Amino acid sequence: MLVTFKTSAHADIIMFGDIAKQLLKMMGHSGTVPSAMVADEVPAALDRLRHAVEVGRADEVQKPQDNAEQAGDQQSVSLRYRALPLIELLSAAARKHSDVMWDKT
């Protein structure tokens, strides 16, 4: 499943469903797809997401690097980087006081 985030203040963002639900929960939302938040809720959701990403970043730094050697050539994209497009979308929506919606694609 893919999830598309939409707002009138930014281009649409498409994410894998499992990542999108995880980010929605980090924002303080239930993770329900489809759903939406009104413009007044966006700044608080953005703050919660930024905080959760920073806490996750600190956890990544504290993990030992031995796991990277065991993984071999496999590389994964951290949740911090996956959250960046959604943070940009929410920031634009907060600046322009726009609602944010998301739905299955």
PDB file of N, CA and C in Angstrom:
ATOM      1  N   MET A   1       0.841  -1.169   0.000  1.00  0.00           N
ATOM      2  CA  MET A   1       0.000   0.000   0.000  1.00  0.00           C
ATOM      3  C   MET A   1       0.893   1.241   0.000  1.00  0.00           C
ATOM      4  N   LEU A   2       0.468   2.237  -0.720  1.00  0.00           N
ATOM      5  CA  LEU A   2       1.099   3.545  -0.729  1.00  0.00           C
ATOM      6  C   LEU A   2       0.130   4.561  -0.130  1.00  0.00           C
ATOM      7  N   VAL A   3       0.667   5.594   0.503  1.00  0.00           N
ATOM      8  CA  VAL A   3      -0.149   6.648   1.092  1.00  0.00           C
ATOM      9  C   VAL A   3       0.299   7.972   0.486  1.00  0.00           C
ATOM     10  N   THR A   4      -0.683   8.765   0.041  1.00  0.00           N
ATOM     11  CA  THR A   4      -0.404  10.086  -0.511  1.00  0.00           C
ATOM     12  C   THR A   4      -0.856  11.155   0.474  1.00  0.00           C
ATOM     13  N   PHE A   5       0.077  12.049   0.826  1.00  0.00           N
ATOM     14  CA  PHE A   5      -0.225  13.196   1.686  1.00  0.00           C
ATOM     15  C   PHE A   5      -0.456  14.394   0.781  1.00  0.00           C
ATOM     16  N   LYS A   6      -1.521  15.160   1.069  1.00  0.00           N
ATOM     17  CA  LYS A   6      -1.887  16.299   0.233  1.00  0.00           C
ATOM     18  C   LYS A   6      -2.180  17.531   1.079  1.00  0.00           C
ATOM     19  N   THR A   7      -1.794  18.674   0.547  1.00  0.00           N
ATOM     20  CA  THR A   7      -2.138  19.969   1.110  1.00  0.00           C
ATOM     21  C   THR A   7      -2.068  20.973  -0.030  1.00  0.00           C
ATOM     22  N   SER A   8      -2.796  22.053   0.085  1.00  0.00           N
ATOM     23  CA  SER A   8      -2.766  23.069  -0.968  1.00  0.00           C
ATOM     24  C   SER A   8      -1.478  23.882  -0.951  1.00  0.00           C
ATOM     25  N   ALA A   9      -0.681  23.745   0.101  1.00  0.00           N
ATOM     26  CA  ALA A   9       0.534  24.541   0.266  1.00  0.00           C
ATOM     27  C   ALA A   9       1.796  23.866  -0.256  1.00  0.00           C
ATOM     28  N   HIS A  10       1.690  22.607  -0.734  1.00  0.00           N
ATOM     29  CA  HIS A  10       2.888  21.850  -1.110  1.00  0.00           C
ATOM     30  C   HIS A  10       2.498  20.772  -2.113  1.00  0.00           C
ATOM     31  N   ALA A  11       3.484  20.293  -2.859  1.00  0.00           N
ATOM     32  CA  ALA A  11       3.255  19.169  -3.768  1.00  0.00           C
ATOM     33  C   ALA A  11       2.929  17.913  -2.957  1.00  0.00           C
ATOM     34  N   ASP A  12       2.187  16.991  -3.562  1.00  0.00           N
ATOM     35  CA  ASP A  12       1.825  15.747  -2.889  1.00  0.00           C
ATOM     36  C   ASP A  12       3.075  14.928  -2.563  1.00  0.00           C
ATOM     37  N   ILE A  13       3.001  14.157  -1.478  1.00  0.00           N
ATOM     38  CA  ILE A  13       4.071  13.270  -1.042  1.00  0.00           C
ATOM     39  C   ILE A  13       3.500  11.857  -1.017  1.00  0.00           C
ATOM     40  N   ILE A  14       4.214  10.910  -1.622  1.00  0.00           N
ATOM     41  CA  ILE A  14       3.787   9.513  -1.618  1.00  0.00           C
ATOM     42  C   ILE A  14       4.800   8.713  -0.821  1.00  0.00           C
ATOM     43  N   MET A  15       4.297   7.866   0.109  1.00  0.00           N
ATOM     44  CA  MET A  15       5.147   7.045   0.968  1.00  0.00           C
ATOM     45  C   MET A  15       4.600   5.631   1.026  1.00  0.00           C
ATOM     46  N   PHE A  16       5.483   4.694   1.375  1.00  0.00           N
ATOM     47  CA  PHE A  16       5.028   3.345   1.658  1.00  0.00           C
ATOM     48  C   PHE A  16       4.119   3.395   2.880  1.00  0.00           C
ATOM     49  N   GLY A  17       3.085   2.555   2.887  1.00  0.00           N
ATOM     50  CA  GLY A  17       2.072   2.587   3.931  1.00  0.00           C
ATOM     51  C   GLY A  17       2.595   2.367   5.330  1.00  0.00           C
ATOM     52  N   ASP A  18       3.509   1.411   5.509  1.00  0.00           N
ATOM     53  CA  ASP A  18       4.007   1.129   6.854  1.00  0.00           C
ATOM     54  C   ASP A  18       4.796   2.311   7.421  1.00  0.00           C
ATOM     55  N   ILE A  19       5.588   2.968   6.583  1.00  0.00           N
ATOM     56  CA  ILE A  19       6.342   4.141   7.021  1.00  0.00           C
ATOM     57  C   ILE A  19       5.387   5.297   7.310  1.00  0.00           C
ATOM     58  N   ALA A  20       4.407   5.502   6.431  1.00  0.00           N
ATOM     59  CA  ALA A  20       3.439   6.581   6.613  1.00  0.00           C
ATOM     60  C   ALA A  20       2.686   6.417   7.931  1.00  0.00           C
ATOM     61  N   LYS A  21       2.239   5.207   8.232  1.00  0.00           N
ATOM     62  CA  LYS A  21       1.512   4.972   9.482  1.00  0.00           C
ATOM     63  C   LYS A  21       2.406   5.220  10.691  1.00  0.00           C
ATOM     64  N   GLN A  22       3.655   4.814  10.598  1.00  0.00           N
ATOM     65  CA  GLN A  22       4.587   5.039  11.695  1.00  0.00           C
ATOM     66  C   GLN A  22       4.792   6.539  11.931  1.00  0.00           C
ATOM     67  N   LEU A  23       4.940   7.298  10.859  1.00  0.00           N
ATOM     68  CA  LEU A  23       5.121   8.748  10.988  1.00  0.00           C
ATOM     69  C   LEU A  23       3.855   9.417  11.519  1.00  0.00           C
ATOM     70  N   LEU A  24       2.694   8.941  11.071  1.00  0.00           N
ATOM     71  CA  LEU A  24       1.433   9.489  11.578  1.00  0.00           C
ATOM     72  C   LEU A  24       1.324   9.283  13.088  1.00  0.00           C
ATOM     73  N   LYS A  25       1.714   8.117  13.558  1.00  0.00           N
ATOM     74  CA  LYS A  25       1.659   7.851  15.000  1.00  0.00           C
ATOM     75  C   LYS A  25       2.654   8.724  15.749  1.00  0.00           C
ATOM     76  N   MET A  26       3.808   8.991  15.135  1.00  0.00           N
ATOM     77  CA  MET A  26       4.789   9.878  15.753  1.00  0.00           C
ATOM     78  C   MET A  26       4.240  11.300  15.861  1.00  0.00           C
ATOM     79  N   MET A  27       3.325  11.654  14.946  1.00  0.00           N
ATOM     80  CA  MET A  27       2.699  12.979  14.963  1.00  0.00           C
ATOM     81  C   MET A  27       1.572  13.063  15.983  1.00  0.00           C
ATOM     82  N   GLY A  28       1.236  11.942  16.607  1.00  0.00           N
ATOM     83  CA  GLY A  28       0.163  11.928  17.582  1.00  0.00           C
ATOM     84  C   GLY A  28      -1.172  11.540  16.991  1.00  0.00           C
ATOM     85  N   HIS A  29      -1.177  11.050  15.763  1.00  0.00           N
ATOM     86  CA  HIS A  29      -2.399  10.625  15.097  1.00  0.00           C
ATOM     87  C   HIS A  29      -2.563   9.121  15.275  1.00  0.00           C
ATOM     88  N   SER A  30      -3.748   8.624  15.037  1.00  0.00           N
ATOM     89  CA  SER A  30      -4.017   7.193  15.216  1.00  0.00           C
ATOM     90  C   SER A  30      -3.353   6.323  14.154  1.00  0.00           C
ATOM     91  N   GLY A  31      -2.996   6.901  13.028  1.00  0.00           N
ATOM     92  CA  GLY A  31      -2.421   6.118  11.940  1.00  0.00           C
ATOM     93  C   GLY A  31      -3.461   5.646  10.946  1.00  0.00           C
ATOM     94  N   THR A  32      -4.685   6.106  11.111  1.00  0.00           N
ATOM     95  CA  THR A  32      -5.774   5.731  10.215  1.00  0.00           C
ATOM     96  C   THR A  32      -5.569   6.325   8.826  1.00  0.00           C
ATOM     97  N   VAL A  33      -5.773   5.489   7.813  1.00  0.00           N
ATOM     98  CA  VAL A  33      -5.698   5.939   6.415  1.00  0.00           C
ATOM     99  C   VAL A  33      -6.989   5.510   5.749  1.00  0.00           C
ATOM    100  N   PRO A  34      -7.738   6.406   5.142  1.00  0.00           N
ATOM    101  CA  PRO A  34      -7.538   7.836   4.948  1.00  0.00           C
ATOM    102  C   PRO A  34      -7.969   8.641   6.169  1.00  0.00           C
ATOM    103  N   SER A  35      -7.428   9.852   6.240  1.00  0.00           N
ATOM    104  CA  SER A  35      -7.801  10.774   7.301  1.00  0.00           C
ATOM    105  C   SER A  35      -7.265  12.160   6.952  1.00  0.00           C
ATOM    106  N   ALA A  36      -7.372  13.072   7.905  1.00  0.00           N
ATOM    107  CA  ALA A  36      -6.926  14.451   7.664  1.00  0.00           C
ATOM    108  C   ALA A  36      -6.745  15.161   8.988  1.00  0.00           C
ATOM    109  N   MET A  37      -6.100  16.315   8.913  1.00  0.00           N
ATOM    110  CA  MET A  37      -6.033  17.200  10.072  1.00  0.00           C
ATOM    111  C   MET A  37      -6.287  18.623   9.592  1.00  0.00           C
ATOM    112  N   VAL A  38      -7.000  19.353  10.404  1.00  0.00           N
ATOM    113  CA  VAL A  38      -7.289  20.744  10.055  1.00  0.00           C
ATOM    114  C   VAL A  38      -6.044  21.589  10.291  1.00  0.00           C
ATOM    115  N   ALA A  39      -6.030  22.751   9.688  1.00  0.00           N
ATOM    116  CA  ALA A  39      -4.857  23.624   9.720  1.00  0.00           C
ATOM    117  C   ALA A  39      -4.397  23.954  11.142  1.00  0.00           C
ATOM    118  N   ASP A  40      -5.334  24.093  12.069  1.00  0.00           N
ATOM    119  CA  ASP A  40      -4.972  24.429  13.445  1.00  0.00           C
ATOM    120  C   ASP A  40      -4.189  23.312  14.144  1.00  0.00           C
ATOM    121  N   GLU A  41      -4.332  22.058  13.682  1.00  0.00           N
ATOM    122  CA  GLU A  41      -3.646  20.920  14.292  1.00  0.00           C
ATOM    123  C   GLU A  41      -2.244  20.701  13.723  1.00  0.00           C
ATOM    124  N   VAL A  42      -1.952  21.273  12.576  1.00  0.00           N
ATOM    125  CA  VAL A  42      -0.702  20.996  11.861  1.00  0.00           C
ATOM    126  C   VAL A  42       0.551  21.401  12.649  1.00  0.00           C
ATOM    127  N   PRO A  43       0.627  22.611  13.219  1.00  0.00           N
ATOM    128  CA  PRO A  43       1.867  22.978  13.935  1.00  0.00           C
ATOM    129  C   PRO A  43       2.223  22.028  15.075  1.00  0.00           C
ATOM    130  N   ALA A  44       1.246  21.607  15.846  1.00  0.00           N
ATOM    131  CA  ALA A  44       1.519  20.686  16.955  1.00  0.00           C
ATOM    132  C   ALA A  44       1.969  19.326  16.435  1.00  0.00           C
ATOM    133  N   ALA A  45       1.338  18.847  15.373  1.00  0.00           N
ATOM    134  CA  ALA A  45       1.734  17.566  14.777  1.00  0.00           C
ATOM    135  C   ALA A  45       3.160  17.653  14.239  1.00  0.00           C
ATOM    136  N   LEU A  46       3.489  18.768  13.619  1.00  0.00           N
ATOM    137  CA  LEU A  46       4.838  18.984  13.100  1.00  0.00           C
ATOM    138  C   LEU A  46       5.857  18.980  14.237  1.00  0.00           C
ATOM    139  N   ASP A  47       5.553  19.636  15.326  1.00  0.00           N
ATOM    140  CA  ASP A  47       6.466  19.661  16.475  1.00  0.00           C
ATOM    141  C   ASP A  47       6.673  18.258  17.042  1.00  0.00           C
ATOM    142  N   ARG A  48       5.584  17.484  17.168  1.00  0.00           N
ATOM    143  CA  ARG A  48       5.707  16.122  17.687  1.00  0.00           C
ATOM    144  C   ARG A  48       6.558  15.258  16.765  1.00  0.00           C
ATOM    145  N   LEU A  49       6.360  15.398  15.460  1.00  0.00           N
ATOM    146  CA  LEU A  49       7.138  14.608  14.504  1.00  0.00           C
ATOM    147  C   LEU A  49       8.615  14.991  14.565  1.00  0.00           C
ATOM    148  N   ARG A  50       8.901  16.280  14.575  1.00  0.00           N
ATOM    149  CA  ARG A  50      10.303  16.718  14.669  1.00  0.00           C
ATOM    150  C   ARG A  50      10.967  16.197  15.939  1.00  0.00           C
ATOM    151  N   HIS A  51      10.248  16.266  17.052  1.00  0.00           N
ATOM    152  CA  HIS A  51      10.796  15.784  18.324  1.00  0.00           C
ATOM    153  C   HIS A  51      11.063  14.276  18.257  1.00  0.00           C
ATOM    154  N   ALA A  52      10.110  13.523  17.746  1.00  0.00           N
ATOM    155  CA  ALA A  52      10.274  12.066  17.661  1.00  0.00           C
ATOM    156  C   ALA A  52      11.445  11.697  16.755  1.00  0.00           C
ATOM    157  N   VAL A  53      11.619  12.430  15.673  1.00  0.00           N
ATOM    158  CA  VAL A  53      12.735  12.170  14.756  1.00  0.00           C
ATOM    159  C   VAL A  53      14.058  12.473  15.450  1.00  0.00           C
ATOM    160  N   GLU A  54      14.119  13.555  16.208  1.00  0.00           N
ATOM    161  CA  GLU A  54      15.351  13.898  16.924  1.00  0.00           C
ATOM    162  C   GLU A  54      15.686  12.862  17.994  1.00  0.00           C
ATOM    163  N   VAL A  55      14.676  12.380  18.697  1.00  0.00           N
ATOM    164  CA  VAL A  55      14.895  11.336  19.701  1.00  0.00           C
ATOM    165  C   VAL A  55      15.410  10.075  19.004  1.00  0.00           C
ATOM    166  N   GLY A  56      14.827   9.734  17.875  1.00  0.00           N
ATOM    167  CA  GLY A  56      15.282   8.576  17.105  1.00  0.00           C
ATOM    168  C   GLY A  56      16.692   8.760  16.595  1.00  0.00           C
ATOM    169  N   ARG A  57      17.040   9.973  16.232  1.00  0.00           N
ATOM    170  CA  ARG A  57      18.391  10.269  15.751  1.00  0.00           C
ATOM    171  C   ARG A  57      19.411  10.042  16.862  1.00  0.00           C
ATOM    172  N   ALA A  58      19.078  10.469  18.066  1.00  0.00           N
ATOM    173  CA  ALA A  58      19.976  10.261  19.197  1.00  0.00           C
ATOM    174  C   ALA A  58      20.166   8.771  19.461  1.00  0.00           C
ATOM    175  N   ASP A  59      19.101   7.988  19.324  1.00  0.00           N
ATOM    176  CA  ASP A  59      19.200   6.542  19.510  1.00  0.00           C
ATOM    177  C   ASP A  59      20.104   5.914  18.464  1.00  0.00           C
ATOM    178  N   GLU A  60      20.025   6.389  17.205  1.00  0.00           N
ATOM    179  CA  GLU A  60      20.861   5.855  16.132  1.00  0.00           C
ATOM    180  C   GLU A  60      22.334   6.108  16.414  1.00  0.00           C
ATOM    181  N   VAL A  61      22.656   7.280  16.936  1.00  0.00           N
ATOM    182  CA  VAL A  61      24.045   7.642  17.210  1.00  0.00           C
ATOM    183  C   VAL A  61      24.612   6.764  18.317  1.00  0.00           C
ATOM    184  N   GLN A  62      23.784   6.379  19.281  1.00  0.00           N
ATOM    185  CA  GLN A  62      24.259   5.591  20.410  1.00  0.00           C
ATOM    186  C   GLN A  62      24.402   4.112  20.096  1.00  0.00           C
ATOM    187  N   LYS A  63      23.840   3.618  18.988  1.00  0.00           N
ATOM    188  CA  LYS A  63      23.946   2.203  18.631  1.00  0.00           C
ATOM    189  C   LYS A  63      25.370   1.895  18.193  1.00  0.00           C
ATOM    190  N   PRO A  64      25.883   0.728  18.555  1.00  0.00           N
ATOM    191  CA  PRO A  64      27.219   0.356  18.106  1.00  0.00           C
ATOM    192  C   PRO A  64      27.246   0.114  16.599  1.00  0.00           C
ATOM    193  N   GLN A  65      28.380   0.364  15.989  1.00  0.00           N
ATOM    194  CA  GLN A  65      28.531   0.226  14.544  1.00  0.00           C
ATOM    195  C   GLN A  65      28.770  -1.215  14.115  1.00  0.00           C
ATOM    196  N   ASP A  66      28.863  -2.167  15.055  1.00  0.00           N
ATOM    197  CA  ASP A  66      29.073  -3.566  14.711  1.00  0.00           C
ATOM    198  C   ASP A  66      27.961  -4.094  13.819  1.00  0.00           C
ATOM    199  N   ASN A  67      26.756  -3.591  13.992  1.00  0.00           N
ATOM    200  CA  ASN A  67      25.630  -4.045  13.177  1.00  0.00           C
ATOM    201  C   ASN A  67      25.849  -3.726  11.714  1.00  0.00           C
ATOM    202  N   ALA A  68      26.533  -2.632  11.415  1.00  0.00           N
ATOM    203  CA  ALA A  68      26.804  -2.262  10.028  1.00  0.00           C
ATOM    204  C   ALA A  68      27.729  -3.279   9.381  1.00  0.00           C
ATOM    205  N   GLU A  69      28.685  -3.782  10.128  1.00  0.00           N
ATOM    206  CA  GLU A  69      29.593  -4.788   9.583  1.00  0.00           C
ATOM    207  C   GLU A  69      28.860  -6.089   9.329  1.00  0.00           C
ATOM    208  N   GLN A  70      27.941  -6.467  10.222  1.00  0.00           N
ATOM    209  CA  GLN A  70      27.185  -7.698  10.063  1.00  0.00           C
ATOM    210  C   GLN A  70      26.224  -7.618   8.888  1.00  0.00           C
ATOM    211  N   ALA A  71      25.738  -6.444   8.589  1.00  0.00           N
ATOM    212  CA  ALA A  71      24.769  -6.272   7.507  1.00  0.00           C
ATOM    213  C   ALA A  71      25.426  -6.391   6.136  1.00  0.00           C
ATOM    214  N   GLY A  72      26.725  -6.261   6.081  1.00  0.00           N
ATOM    215  CA  GLY A  72      27.410  -6.370   4.801  1.00  0.00           C
ATOM    216  C   GLY A  72      27.143  -5.156   3.949  1.00  0.00           C
ATOM    217  N   ASP A  73      26.747  -5.383   2.706  1.00  0.00           N
ATOM    218  CA  ASP A  73      26.511  -4.283   1.781  1.00  0.00           C
ATOM    219  C   ASP A  73      25.102  -3.722   1.851  1.00  0.00           C
ATOM    220  N   GLN A  74      24.241  -4.315   2.655  1.00  0.00           N
ATOM    221  CA  GLN A  74      22.869  -3.834   2.746  1.00  0.00           C
ATOM    222  C   GLN A  74      22.847  -2.474   3.425  1.00  0.00           C
ATOM    223  N   GLN A  75      22.134  -1.554   2.815  1.00  0.00           N
ATOM    224  CA  GLN A  75      21.975  -0.242   3.409  1.00  0.00           C
ATOM    225  C   GLN A  75      20.486   0.028   3.550  1.00  0.00           C
ATOM    226  N   SER A  76      20.133   0.680   4.619  1.00  0.00           N
ATOM    227  CA  SER A  76      18.738   1.035   4.807  1.00  0.00           C
ATOM    228  C   SER A  76      18.631   2.540   4.989  1.00  0.00           C
ATOM    229  N   VAL A  77      17.469   3.052   4.681  1.00  0.00           N
ATOM    230  CA  VAL A  77      17.208   4.479   4.833  1.00  0.00           C
ATOM    231  C   VAL A  77      16.590   4.677   6.209  1.00  0.00           C
ATOM    232  N   SER A  78      17.205   5.545   6.997  1.00  0.00           N
ATOM    233  CA  SER A  78      16.713   5.760   8.354  1.00  0.00           C
ATOM    234  C   SER A  78      15.361   6.475   8.316  1.00  0.00           C
ATOM    235  N   LEU A  79      14.626   6.296   9.379  1.00  0.00           N
ATOM    236  CA  LEU A  79      13.313   6.942   9.496  1.00  0.00           C
ATOM    237  C   LEU A  79      13.460   8.457   9.467  1.00  0.00           C
ATOM    238  N   ARG A  80      14.573   8.950   9.971  1.00  0.00           N
ATOM    239  CA  ARG A  80      14.831  10.391   9.972  1.00  0.00           C
ATOM    240  C   ARG A  80      14.797  10.934   8.543  1.00  0.00           C
ATOM    241  N   TYR A  81      15.441  10.231   7.613  1.00  0.00           N
ATOM    242  CA  TYR A  81      15.460  10.686   6.223  1.00  0.00           C
ATOM    243  C   TYR A  81      14.117  10.457   5.535  1.00  0.00           C
ATOM    244  N   ARG A  82      13.440   9.398   5.904  1.00  0.00           N
ATOM    245  CA  ARG A  82      12.125   9.136   5.316  1.00  0.00           C
ATOM    246  C   ARG A  82      11.108  10.188   5.749  1.00  0.00           C
ATOM    247  N   ALA A  83      11.313  10.777   6.918  1.00  0.00           N
ATOM    248  CA  ALA A  83      10.383  11.775   7.449  1.00  0.00           C
ATOM    249  C   ALA A  83      10.565  13.150   6.823  1.00  0.00           C
ATOM    250  N   LEU A  84      11.721  13.427   6.217  1.00  0.00           N
ATOM    251  CA  LEU A  84      12.002  14.768   5.707  1.00  0.00           C
ATOM    252  C   LEU A  84      10.952  15.311   4.734  1.00  0.00           C
ATOM    253  N   PRO A  85      10.508  14.550   3.733  1.00  0.00           N
ATOM    254  CA  PRO A  85       9.482  15.113   2.837  1.00  0.00           C
ATOM    255  C   PRO A  85       8.181  15.470   3.564  1.00  0.00           C
ATOM    256  N   LEU A  86       7.796  14.644   4.523  1.00  0.00           N
ATOM    257  CA  LEU A  86       6.574  14.931   5.275  1.00  0.00           C
ATOM    258  C   LEU A  86       6.772  16.149   6.178  1.00  0.00           C
ATOM    259  N   ILE A  87       7.948  16.301   6.751  1.00  0.00           N
ATOM    260  CA  ILE A  87       8.240  17.485   7.562  1.00  0.00           C
ATOM    261  C   ILE A  87       8.157  18.737   6.700  1.00  0.00           C
ATOM    262  N   GLU A  88       8.681  18.666   5.490  1.00  0.00           N
ATOM    263  CA  GLU A  88       8.596  19.812   4.571  1.00  0.00           C
ATOM    264  C   GLU A  88       7.147  20.134   4.226  1.00  0.00           C
ATOM    265  N   LEU A  89       6.354  19.103   3.947  1.00  0.00           N
ATOM    266  CA  LEU A  89       4.942  19.310   3.620  1.00  0.00           C
ATOM    267  C   LEU A  89       4.206  19.945   4.797  1.00  0.00           C
ATOM    268  N   LEU A  90       4.427  19.418   5.994  1.00  0.00           N
ATOM    269  CA  LEU A  90       3.761  19.967   7.181  1.00  0.00           C
ATOM    270  C   LEU A  90       4.214  21.392   7.475  1.00  0.00           C
ATOM    271  N   SER A  91       5.499  21.677   7.253  1.00  0.00           N
ATOM    272  CA  SER A  91       6.002  23.036   7.457  1.00  0.00           C
ATOM    273  C   SER A  91       5.324  24.019   6.514  1.00  0.00           C
ATOM    274  N   ALA A  92       5.184  23.623   5.250  1.00  0.00           N
ATOM    275  CA  ALA A  92       4.516  24.484   4.267  1.00  0.00           C
ATOM    276  C   ALA A  92       3.046  24.677   4.644  1.00  0.00           C
ATOM    277  N   ALA A  93       2.397  23.606   5.076  1.00  0.00           N
ATOM    278  CA  ALA A  93       0.990  23.697   5.476  1.00  0.00           C
ATOM    279  C   ALA A  93       0.824  24.601   6.696  1.00  0.00           C
ATOM    280  N   ALA A  94       1.757  24.518   7.637  1.00  0.00           N
ATOM    281  CA  ALA A  94       1.684  25.374   8.831  1.00  0.00           C
ATOM    282  C   ALA A  94       1.881  26.842   8.461  1.00  0.00           C
ATOM    283  N   ARG A  95       2.835  27.116   7.563  1.00  0.00           N
ATOM    284  CA  ARG A  95       3.094  28.504   7.148  1.00  0.00           C
ATOM    285  C   ARG A  95       1.876  29.113   6.454  1.00  0.00           C
ATOM    286  N   LYS A  96       1.191  28.326   5.640  1.00  0.00           N
ATOM    287  CA  LYS A  96       0.054  28.846   4.867  1.00  0.00           C
ATOM    288  C   LYS A  96      -1.295  28.522   5.505  1.00  0.00           C
ATOM    289  N   HIS A  97      -1.247  27.958   6.723  1.00  0.00           N
ATOM    290  CA  HIS A  97      -2.464  27.608   7.468  1.00  0.00           C
ATOM    291  C   HIS A  97      -3.407  26.761   6.596  1.00  0.00           C
ATOM    292  N   SER A  98      -2.866  25.639   6.094  1.00  0.00           N
ATOM    293  CA  SER A  98      -3.619  24.742   5.212  1.00  0.00           C
ATOM    294  C   SER A  98      -3.893  23.410   5.907  1.00  0.00           C
ATOM    295  N   ASP A  99      -5.006  22.792   5.543  1.00  0.00           N
ATOM    296  CA  ASP A  99      -5.335  21.453   6.010  1.00  0.00           C
ATOM    297  C   ASP A  99      -4.406  20.445   5.328  1.00  0.00           C
ATOM    298  N   VAL A 100      -4.245  19.266   5.965  1.00  0.00           N
ATOM    299  CA  VAL A 100      -3.455  18.172   5.397  1.00  0.00           C
ATOM    300  C   VAL A 100      -4.337  16.934   5.371  1.00  0.00           C
ATOM    301  N   MET A 101      -4.334  16.251   4.222  1.00  0.00           N
ATOM    302  CA  MET A 101      -5.123  15.032   4.057  1.00  0.00           C
ATOM    303  C   MET A 101      -4.204  13.917   3.591  1.00  0.00           C
ATOM    304  N   TRP A 102      -4.575  12.666   3.852  1.00  0.00           N
ATOM    305  CA  TRP A 102      -3.839  11.526   3.330  1.00  0.00           C
ATOM    306  C   TRP A 102      -4.797  10.416   3.009  1.00  0.00           C
ATOM    307  N   ASP A 103      -4.433   9.645   1.995  1.00  0.00           N
ATOM    308  CA  ASP A 103      -5.302   8.566   1.504  1.00  0.00           C
ATOM    309  C   ASP A 103      -4.441   7.491   0.857  1.00  0.00           C
ATOM    310  N   LYS A 104      -5.027   6.303   0.707  1.00  0.00           N
ATOM    311  CA  LYS A 104      -4.344   5.206   0.006  1.00  0.00           C
ATOM    312  C   LYS A 104      -4.237   5.542  -1.471  1.00  0.00           C
ATOM    313  N   THR A 105      -3.131   5.147  -2.056  1.00  0.00           N
ATOM    314  CA  THR A 105      -2.912   5.391  -3.482  1.00  0.00           C
ATOM    315  C   THR A 105      -3.052   4.093  -4.238  1.00  0.00           C
TER     316      THR A 105
END
